[in-house]
């Protein structure tokens, strides 16, 4: 019996240590990962790689998608850069939430392109746009921490 109790206490301590590490660094890793992700995908658009952003450009924005898609890519890269710098998080979130209606509208208006015959089966374009909406939700979690002070041992 003592062996099982000791084993259980060891497991609980490991669990507490892992939880403490995630609590200490999770928001930072989340913010930096999201920032680099936006920079990466934004620059792909700038350099002409295909994405569902062309669907957003065709749905919401006026102008030639060959111009608006790279501009949206720069916009996304700017969002990512702002997320990497703690002092710029609010600006990045503002840029992100300005872009949110375009994503939602493209998903709702272009259902023939964003879904494969059923609202339960998103197309590749639809999956991309849904992923964007989820990323916006993840960014909202980051936004919930902008008023808190980082501890001195944080990595930023």
N, C-alpha and C. Protein backbone atom coordinates (compact mmCIF):
# COMPACT_ATOMS: atom_id res chain seq x y z
N UNK A 1 0.83 -1.20 0.00
CA UNK A 1 0.00 0.00 0.00
C UNK A 1 0.87 1.26 0.00
N UNK A 2 1.94 1.28 0.78
CA UNK A 2 2.81 2.46 0.83
C UNK A 2 3.43 2.75 -0.53
N UNK A 3 3.73 1.71 -1.30
CA UNK A 3 4.28 1.88 -2.64
C UNK A 3 3.32 2.61 -3.56
N UNK A 4 2.04 2.25 -3.44
CA UNK A 4 1.02 2.91 -4.28
C UNK A 4 0.82 4.36 -3.88
N UNK A 5 0.87 4.64 -2.59
CA UNK A 5 0.71 6.01 -2.11
C UNK A 5 1.89 6.86 -2.58
N UNK A 6 3.09 6.33 -2.46
CA UNK A 6 4.28 7.05 -2.92
C UNK A 6 4.23 7.28 -4.42
N UNK A 7 3.78 6.28 -5.16
CA UNK A 7 3.65 6.40 -6.61
C UNK A 7 2.64 7.48 -6.97
N UNK A 8 1.55 7.50 -6.26
CA UNK A 8 0.50 8.50 -6.51
C UNK A 8 1.02 9.90 -6.20
N UNK A 9 1.75 10.06 -5.11
CA UNK A 9 2.31 11.37 -4.75
C UNK A 9 3.32 11.83 -5.80
N UNK A 10 4.13 10.90 -6.29
CA UNK A 10 5.11 11.21 -7.32
C UNK A 10 4.40 11.68 -8.59
N UNK A 11 3.35 10.97 -8.97
CA UNK A 11 2.58 11.35 -10.15
C UNK A 11 1.96 12.73 -9.96
N UNK A 12 1.39 12.99 -8.80
CA UNK A 12 0.77 14.29 -8.53
C UNK A 12 1.79 15.41 -8.59
N UNK A 13 3.02 15.17 -8.09
CA UNK A 13 4.06 16.19 -8.14
C UNK A 13 4.48 16.47 -9.58
N UNK A 14 4.63 15.42 -10.37
CA UNK A 14 4.97 15.60 -11.78
C UNK A 14 3.87 16.38 -12.48
N UNK A 15 2.61 16.03 -12.19
CA UNK A 15 1.48 16.73 -12.78
C UNK A 15 1.49 18.21 -12.38
N UNK A 16 1.76 18.52 -11.11
CA UNK A 16 1.82 19.91 -10.65
C UNK A 16 2.96 20.66 -11.34
N UNK A 17 4.12 20.01 -11.50
CA UNK A 17 5.26 20.65 -12.15
C UNK A 17 4.95 20.98 -13.61
N UNK A 18 4.34 20.04 -14.31
CA UNK A 18 3.97 20.26 -15.71
C UNK A 18 2.95 21.39 -15.80
N UNK A 19 1.96 21.35 -14.93
CA UNK A 19 0.94 22.39 -14.91
C UNK A 19 1.55 23.76 -14.62
N UNK A 20 2.48 23.84 -13.68
CA UNK A 20 3.13 25.11 -13.35
C UNK A 20 3.92 25.64 -14.55
N UNK A 21 4.62 24.74 -15.26
CA UNK A 21 5.38 25.16 -16.44
C UNK A 21 4.44 25.71 -17.51
N UNK A 22 3.33 25.00 -17.74
CA UNK A 22 2.37 25.46 -18.75
C UNK A 22 1.75 26.79 -18.34
N UNK A 23 1.46 26.94 -17.05
CA UNK A 23 0.89 28.20 -16.57
C UNK A 23 1.88 29.34 -16.76
N UNK A 24 3.13 29.09 -16.50
CA UNK A 24 4.17 30.12 -16.58
C UNK A 24 4.46 30.52 -18.03
N UNK A 25 4.54 29.56 -18.94
CA UNK A 25 5.00 29.85 -20.30
C UNK A 25 3.94 29.68 -21.39
N UNK A 26 2.79 29.13 -21.06
CA UNK A 26 1.79 28.82 -22.07
C UNK A 26 1.31 30.01 -22.87
N UNK A 27 0.96 31.11 -22.20
CA UNK A 27 0.46 32.28 -22.92
C UNK A 27 1.54 32.86 -23.83
N UNK A 28 2.76 32.89 -23.34
CA UNK A 28 3.86 33.40 -24.15
C UNK A 28 4.05 32.54 -25.40
N UNK A 29 4.11 31.24 -25.23
CA UNK A 29 4.29 30.34 -26.38
C UNK A 29 3.12 30.44 -27.35
N UNK A 30 1.93 30.57 -26.81
CA UNK A 30 0.73 30.73 -27.63
C UNK A 30 0.83 32.01 -28.47
N UNK A 31 1.19 33.11 -27.84
CA UNK A 31 1.28 34.41 -28.52
C UNK A 31 2.37 34.40 -29.58
N UNK A 32 3.54 33.89 -29.24
CA UNK A 32 4.65 33.88 -30.19
C UNK A 32 4.36 32.92 -31.35
N UNK A 33 3.80 31.76 -31.05
CA UNK A 33 3.45 30.82 -32.11
C UNK A 33 2.43 31.41 -33.06
N UNK A 34 1.43 32.06 -32.53
CA UNK A 34 0.41 32.69 -33.36
C UNK A 34 1.01 33.83 -34.18
N UNK A 35 1.90 34.60 -33.55
CA UNK A 35 2.55 35.70 -34.26
C UNK A 35 3.35 35.21 -35.46
N UNK A 36 4.18 34.20 -35.25
CA UNK A 36 4.99 33.65 -36.36
C UNK A 36 4.10 33.02 -37.42
N UNK A 37 3.01 32.40 -37.00
CA UNK A 37 2.08 31.79 -37.96
C UNK A 37 1.50 32.85 -38.88
N UNK A 38 1.06 33.99 -38.32
CA UNK A 38 0.51 35.06 -39.14
C UNK A 38 1.57 35.66 -40.06
N UNK A 39 2.78 35.82 -39.57
CA UNK A 39 3.86 36.33 -40.42
C UNK A 39 4.10 35.37 -41.58
N UNK A 40 4.22 34.10 -41.28
CA UNK A 40 4.51 33.08 -42.28
C UNK A 40 3.44 33.05 -43.38
N UNK A 41 2.17 32.89 -42.98
CA UNK A 41 1.11 32.81 -43.98
C UNK A 41 0.89 34.14 -44.68
N UNK A 42 1.08 35.24 -43.97
CA UNK A 42 0.97 36.55 -44.62
C UNK A 42 2.01 36.74 -45.71
N UNK A 43 3.26 36.37 -45.42
CA UNK A 43 4.31 36.53 -46.42
C UNK A 43 4.13 35.59 -47.61
N UNK A 44 3.53 34.42 -47.38
CA UNK A 44 3.24 33.54 -48.51
C UNK A 44 2.31 34.24 -49.50
N UNK A 45 1.34 34.98 -48.99
CA UNK A 45 0.42 35.72 -49.86
C UNK A 45 1.15 36.83 -50.60
N UNK A 46 2.05 37.52 -49.89
CA UNK A 46 2.82 38.59 -50.51
C UNK A 46 3.64 38.06 -51.69
N UNK A 47 4.19 36.86 -51.53
CA UNK A 47 5.03 36.28 -52.57
C UNK A 47 4.26 35.45 -53.60
N UNK A 48 2.92 35.55 -53.57
CA UNK A 48 2.11 34.98 -54.63
C UNK A 48 1.65 33.55 -54.47
N UNK A 49 1.81 32.97 -53.31
CA UNK A 49 1.32 31.60 -53.11
C UNK A 49 -0.18 31.63 -52.87
N UNK A 50 -0.88 30.66 -53.43
CA UNK A 50 -2.33 30.63 -53.39
C UNK A 50 -2.85 30.39 -51.97
N UNK A 51 -3.95 31.05 -51.65
CA UNK A 51 -4.60 30.84 -50.36
C UNK A 51 -6.07 31.19 -50.50
N UNK A 52 -6.81 30.93 -49.45
CA UNK A 52 -8.24 31.27 -49.46
C UNK A 52 -8.45 32.77 -49.32
N UNK A 53 -7.40 33.52 -49.07
CA UNK A 53 -7.54 34.97 -48.96
C UNK A 53 -8.05 35.58 -50.25
N UNK A 54 -7.74 34.94 -51.38
CA UNK A 54 -8.26 35.47 -52.64
C UNK A 54 -9.79 35.43 -52.63
N UNK A 55 -10.36 34.44 -51.97
CA UNK A 55 -11.81 34.37 -51.83
C UNK A 55 -12.32 35.55 -51.01
N UNK A 56 -11.62 35.89 -49.94
CA UNK A 56 -12.00 37.05 -49.13
C UNK A 56 -11.88 38.31 -49.98
N UNK A 57 -10.77 38.42 -50.72
CA UNK A 57 -10.56 39.61 -51.56
C UNK A 57 -11.66 39.76 -52.60
N UNK A 58 -12.11 38.66 -53.16
CA UNK A 58 -13.17 38.71 -54.17
C UNK A 58 -14.54 38.97 -53.55
N UNK A 59 -14.73 38.58 -52.30
CA UNK A 59 -16.03 38.71 -51.66
C UNK A 59 -16.24 40.09 -51.07
N UNK A 60 -15.26 40.61 -50.37
CA UNK A 60 -15.46 41.78 -49.53
C UNK A 60 -14.82 43.04 -50.09
N UNK A 61 -13.62 42.91 -50.61
CA UNK A 61 -12.86 44.10 -50.98
C UNK A 61 -13.08 44.46 -52.44
N UNK A 62 -13.00 45.73 -52.72
CA UNK A 62 -13.13 46.21 -54.08
C UNK A 62 -11.72 46.35 -54.63
N UNK A 63 -11.55 45.89 -55.82
CA UNK A 63 -10.23 45.99 -56.44
C UNK A 63 -9.77 44.63 -56.92
N UNK A 64 -8.70 44.67 -57.63
CA UNK A 64 -8.13 43.47 -58.23
C UNK A 64 -7.51 42.58 -57.16
N UNK A 65 -7.91 41.30 -57.07
CA UNK A 65 -7.31 40.40 -56.07
C UNK A 65 -5.79 40.28 -56.20
N UNK A 66 -5.24 40.53 -57.39
CA UNK A 66 -3.78 40.46 -57.53
C UNK A 66 -3.10 41.58 -56.73
N UNK A 67 -3.87 42.61 -56.38
CA UNK A 67 -3.35 43.69 -55.53
C UNK A 67 -3.81 43.49 -54.09
N UNK A 68 -5.10 43.17 -53.91
CA UNK A 68 -5.63 43.11 -52.54
C UNK A 68 -5.10 41.91 -51.75
N UNK A 69 -4.85 40.79 -52.41
CA UNK A 69 -4.34 39.61 -51.68
C UNK A 69 -2.95 39.90 -51.08
N UNK A 70 -1.99 40.43 -51.86
CA UNK A 70 -0.71 40.77 -51.22
C UNK A 70 -0.86 41.81 -50.11
N UNK A 71 -1.78 42.77 -50.30
CA UNK A 71 -2.01 43.75 -49.23
C UNK A 71 -2.55 43.07 -47.97
N UNK A 72 -3.48 42.13 -48.15
CA UNK A 72 -3.99 41.38 -47.00
C UNK A 72 -2.87 40.54 -46.37
N UNK A 73 -1.97 40.04 -47.20
CA UNK A 73 -0.82 39.31 -46.68
C UNK A 73 0.07 40.19 -45.82
N UNK A 74 0.32 41.42 -46.29
CA UNK A 74 1.10 42.37 -45.47
C UNK A 74 0.36 42.68 -44.17
N UNK A 75 -0.96 42.79 -44.28
CA UNK A 75 -1.80 43.05 -43.10
C UNK A 75 -1.61 41.92 -42.09
N UNK A 76 -1.67 40.66 -42.58
CA UNK A 76 -1.48 39.51 -41.68
C UNK A 76 -0.08 39.48 -41.09
N UNK A 77 0.92 39.80 -41.89
CA UNK A 77 2.30 39.82 -41.38
C UNK A 77 2.43 40.90 -40.29
N UNK A 78 1.76 42.03 -40.49
CA UNK A 78 1.77 43.09 -39.48
C UNK A 78 1.11 42.61 -38.18
N UNK A 79 0.01 41.88 -38.31
CA UNK A 79 -0.65 41.30 -37.14
C UNK A 79 0.33 40.42 -36.39
N UNK A 80 1.01 39.54 -37.13
CA UNK A 80 1.99 38.64 -36.51
C UNK A 80 3.10 39.38 -35.82
N UNK A 81 3.65 40.40 -36.47
CA UNK A 81 4.73 41.18 -35.86
C UNK A 81 4.25 41.83 -34.56
N UNK A 82 3.04 42.38 -34.60
CA UNK A 82 2.49 43.02 -33.39
C UNK A 82 2.31 42.01 -32.26
N UNK A 83 1.92 40.78 -32.58
CA UNK A 83 1.76 39.77 -31.54
C UNK A 83 3.10 39.37 -30.92
N UNK A 84 4.18 39.51 -31.68
CA UNK A 84 5.50 39.17 -31.14
C UNK A 84 6.02 40.20 -30.14
N UNK A 85 5.55 41.42 -30.24
CA UNK A 85 5.99 42.50 -29.34
C UNK A 85 4.88 42.82 -28.36
N UNK A 86 5.12 42.53 -27.10
CA UNK A 86 4.09 42.71 -26.08
C UNK A 86 3.45 44.10 -26.11
N UNK A 87 4.26 45.13 -26.36
CA UNK A 87 3.73 46.50 -26.37
C UNK A 87 2.79 46.75 -27.54
N UNK A 88 2.84 45.90 -28.58
CA UNK A 88 2.04 46.11 -29.78
C UNK A 88 0.84 45.16 -29.89
N UNK A 89 0.62 44.36 -28.87
CA UNK A 89 -0.45 43.36 -28.93
C UNK A 89 -1.80 44.01 -29.24
N UNK A 90 -2.11 45.11 -28.59
CA UNK A 90 -3.41 45.75 -28.81
C UNK A 90 -3.59 46.17 -30.27
N UNK A 91 -2.52 46.69 -30.87
CA UNK A 91 -2.59 47.08 -32.29
C UNK A 91 -2.81 45.85 -33.15
N UNK A 92 -2.08 44.78 -32.86
CA UNK A 92 -2.25 43.54 -33.62
C UNK A 92 -3.66 43.00 -33.51
N UNK A 93 -4.23 43.04 -32.31
CA UNK A 93 -5.60 42.56 -32.12
C UNK A 93 -6.60 43.44 -32.86
N UNK A 94 -6.35 44.75 -32.86
CA UNK A 94 -7.22 45.65 -33.62
C UNK A 94 -7.17 45.30 -35.11
N UNK A 95 -5.97 45.13 -35.65
CA UNK A 95 -5.82 44.75 -37.06
C UNK A 95 -6.52 43.42 -37.34
N UNK A 96 -6.38 42.50 -36.40
CA UNK A 96 -6.99 41.18 -36.56
C UNK A 96 -8.51 41.25 -36.58
N UNK A 97 -9.07 42.01 -35.67
CA UNK A 97 -10.52 42.08 -35.58
C UNK A 97 -11.14 42.95 -36.68
N UNK A 98 -10.35 43.85 -37.28
CA UNK A 98 -10.83 44.57 -38.46
C UNK A 98 -10.96 43.59 -39.62
N UNK A 99 -10.06 42.61 -39.68
CA UNK A 99 -10.06 41.62 -40.76
C UNK A 99 -11.13 40.55 -40.56
N UNK A 100 -11.57 40.34 -39.35
CA UNK A 100 -12.52 39.28 -39.02
C UNK A 100 -13.81 39.31 -39.86
N UNK A 101 -14.46 40.45 -40.05
CA UNK A 101 -15.70 40.44 -40.84
C UNK A 101 -15.51 39.92 -42.27
N UNK A 102 -14.37 40.22 -42.87
CA UNK A 102 -14.11 39.73 -44.22
C UNK A 102 -14.08 38.21 -44.27
N UNK A 103 -13.45 37.61 -43.28
CA UNK A 103 -13.40 36.15 -43.21
C UNK A 103 -14.78 35.57 -43.02
N UNK A 104 -15.53 36.12 -42.08
CA UNK A 104 -16.87 35.59 -41.79
C UNK A 104 -17.80 35.78 -42.99
N UNK A 105 -17.71 36.94 -43.65
CA UNK A 105 -18.58 37.18 -44.81
C UNK A 105 -18.26 36.23 -45.96
N UNK A 106 -16.98 36.03 -46.22
CA UNK A 106 -16.60 35.12 -47.30
C UNK A 106 -17.12 33.71 -47.01
N UNK A 107 -17.05 33.30 -45.76
CA UNK A 107 -17.53 31.97 -45.38
C UNK A 107 -19.05 31.86 -45.58
N UNK A 108 -19.78 32.93 -45.25
CA UNK A 108 -21.24 32.89 -45.32
C UNK A 108 -21.78 33.19 -46.72
N UNK A 109 -21.15 34.10 -47.43
CA UNK A 109 -21.68 34.52 -48.73
C UNK A 109 -21.30 33.54 -49.84
N UNK A 110 -20.11 33.00 -49.77
CA UNK A 110 -19.60 32.13 -50.84
C UNK A 110 -19.78 30.65 -50.48
N UNK A 111 -20.96 30.28 -50.01
CA UNK A 111 -21.17 28.89 -49.55
C UNK A 111 -20.96 27.86 -50.65
N UNK A 112 -21.18 28.26 -51.90
CA UNK A 112 -20.94 27.31 -53.00
C UNK A 112 -19.46 26.96 -53.14
N UNK A 113 -18.59 27.85 -52.68
CA UNK A 113 -17.14 27.63 -52.73
C UNK A 113 -16.61 27.12 -51.40
N UNK A 114 -17.20 27.58 -50.29
CA UNK A 114 -16.66 27.24 -48.97
C UNK A 114 -17.20 25.93 -48.39
N UNK A 115 -18.25 25.39 -48.99
CA UNK A 115 -18.79 24.12 -48.51
C UNK A 115 -19.03 23.18 -49.69
N UNK A 116 -18.88 21.90 -49.44
CA UNK A 116 -19.08 20.87 -50.47
C UNK A 116 -20.47 20.24 -50.33
N UNK A 117 -21.50 20.99 -50.68
CA UNK A 117 -22.84 20.45 -50.71
C UNK A 117 -23.57 20.44 -49.38
N UNK A 118 -22.88 20.59 -48.28
CA UNK A 118 -23.50 20.56 -46.96
C UNK A 118 -22.73 21.49 -46.04
N UNK A 119 -23.44 22.13 -45.12
CA UNK A 119 -22.76 23.00 -44.15
C UNK A 119 -21.90 22.20 -43.16
N UNK A 120 -22.03 20.90 -43.19
CA UNK A 120 -21.20 20.05 -42.33
C UNK A 120 -19.91 19.61 -43.03
N UNK A 121 -19.77 19.95 -44.32
CA UNK A 121 -18.61 19.51 -45.10
C UNK A 121 -17.95 20.73 -45.74
N UNK A 122 -17.05 21.41 -45.02
CA UNK A 122 -16.39 22.56 -45.62
C UNK A 122 -15.37 22.12 -46.68
N UNK A 123 -15.28 22.93 -47.73
CA UNK A 123 -14.26 22.70 -48.76
C UNK A 123 -12.89 23.10 -48.18
N UNK A 124 -11.86 22.95 -48.96
CA UNK A 124 -10.53 23.39 -48.51
C UNK A 124 -10.55 24.88 -48.20
N UNK A 125 -11.20 25.67 -49.06
CA UNK A 125 -11.32 27.11 -48.79
C UNK A 125 -12.10 27.35 -47.50
N UNK A 126 -13.18 26.63 -47.31
CA UNK A 126 -13.98 26.77 -46.10
C UNK A 126 -13.21 26.38 -44.85
N UNK A 127 -12.43 25.30 -44.96
CA UNK A 127 -11.62 24.87 -43.81
C UNK A 127 -10.62 25.96 -43.43
N UNK A 128 -10.03 26.58 -44.44
CA UNK A 128 -9.07 27.65 -44.20
C UNK A 128 -9.74 28.82 -43.47
N UNK A 129 -10.93 29.20 -43.93
CA UNK A 129 -11.63 30.32 -43.31
C UNK A 129 -12.09 29.97 -41.90
N UNK A 130 -12.55 28.74 -41.69
CA UNK A 130 -12.94 28.32 -40.34
C UNK A 130 -11.72 28.34 -39.41
N UNK A 131 -10.58 27.88 -39.93
CA UNK A 131 -9.33 27.94 -39.16
C UNK A 131 -9.02 29.38 -38.77
N UNK A 132 -9.23 30.32 -39.71
CA UNK A 132 -9.00 31.73 -39.40
C UNK A 132 -9.89 32.20 -38.25
N UNK A 133 -11.16 31.79 -38.27
CA UNK A 133 -12.07 32.18 -37.19
C UNK A 133 -11.59 31.63 -35.85
N UNK A 134 -11.08 30.41 -35.86
CA UNK A 134 -10.55 29.81 -34.63
C UNK A 134 -9.31 30.56 -34.16
N UNK A 135 -8.46 30.97 -35.10
CA UNK A 135 -7.29 31.75 -34.73
C UNK A 135 -7.69 33.09 -34.12
N UNK A 136 -8.76 33.68 -34.62
CA UNK A 136 -9.24 34.91 -34.02
C UNK A 136 -9.65 34.67 -32.57
N UNK A 137 -10.29 33.54 -32.32
CA UNK A 137 -10.65 33.19 -30.94
C UNK A 137 -9.40 33.00 -30.08
N UNK A 138 -8.39 32.37 -30.63
CA UNK A 138 -7.13 32.19 -29.90
C UNK A 138 -6.49 33.54 -29.59
N UNK A 139 -6.57 34.46 -30.54
CA UNK A 139 -6.03 35.79 -30.32
C UNK A 139 -6.80 36.52 -29.22
N UNK A 140 -8.09 36.26 -29.10
CA UNK A 140 -8.88 36.88 -28.04
C UNK A 140 -8.36 36.44 -26.66
N UNK A 141 -7.90 35.21 -26.56
CA UNK A 141 -7.31 34.73 -25.30
C UNK A 141 -6.07 35.55 -24.98
N UNK A 142 -5.26 35.81 -25.99
CA UNK A 142 -4.07 36.64 -25.80
C UNK A 142 -4.49 38.04 -25.37
N UNK A 143 -5.54 38.57 -26.02
CA UNK A 143 -6.03 39.89 -25.66
C UNK A 143 -6.47 39.99 -24.20
N UNK A 144 -6.93 38.88 -23.66
CA UNK A 144 -7.35 38.87 -22.26
C UNK A 144 -6.19 39.00 -21.28
N UNK A 145 -4.96 38.95 -21.78
CA UNK A 145 -3.79 39.04 -20.89
C UNK A 145 -3.03 40.35 -21.04
N UNK A 146 -3.46 41.26 -21.92
CA UNK A 146 -2.65 42.45 -22.18
C UNK A 146 -2.56 43.39 -20.98
N UNK A 147 -3.51 43.33 -20.09
CA UNK A 147 -3.46 44.21 -18.92
C UNK A 147 -2.66 43.62 -17.77
N UNK A 148 -2.36 42.33 -17.85
CA UNK A 148 -1.58 41.72 -16.78
C UNK A 148 -0.10 42.00 -17.01
N UNK A 149 0.62 42.13 -15.91
CA UNK A 149 2.05 42.38 -16.00
C UNK A 149 2.79 41.06 -16.15
N UNK A 150 3.74 41.04 -17.09
CA UNK A 150 4.52 39.80 -17.22
C UNK A 150 5.44 39.65 -16.01
N UNK A 151 5.63 38.41 -15.58
CA UNK A 151 6.56 38.20 -14.47
C UNK A 151 7.98 38.39 -14.98
N UNK A 152 8.92 38.73 -14.09
CA UNK A 152 10.28 39.05 -14.52
C UNK A 152 10.99 37.88 -15.21
N UNK A 153 10.56 36.65 -14.97
CA UNK A 153 11.24 35.51 -15.59
C UNK A 153 10.58 35.09 -16.90
N UNK A 154 9.60 35.89 -17.39
CA UNK A 154 8.98 35.58 -18.67
C UNK A 154 9.99 35.79 -19.79
N UNK A 155 9.74 35.17 -20.92
CA UNK A 155 10.68 35.24 -22.03
C UNK A 155 10.53 36.45 -22.90
N UNK A 156 9.59 37.38 -22.61
CA UNK A 156 9.50 38.51 -23.50
C UNK A 156 10.29 39.62 -22.99
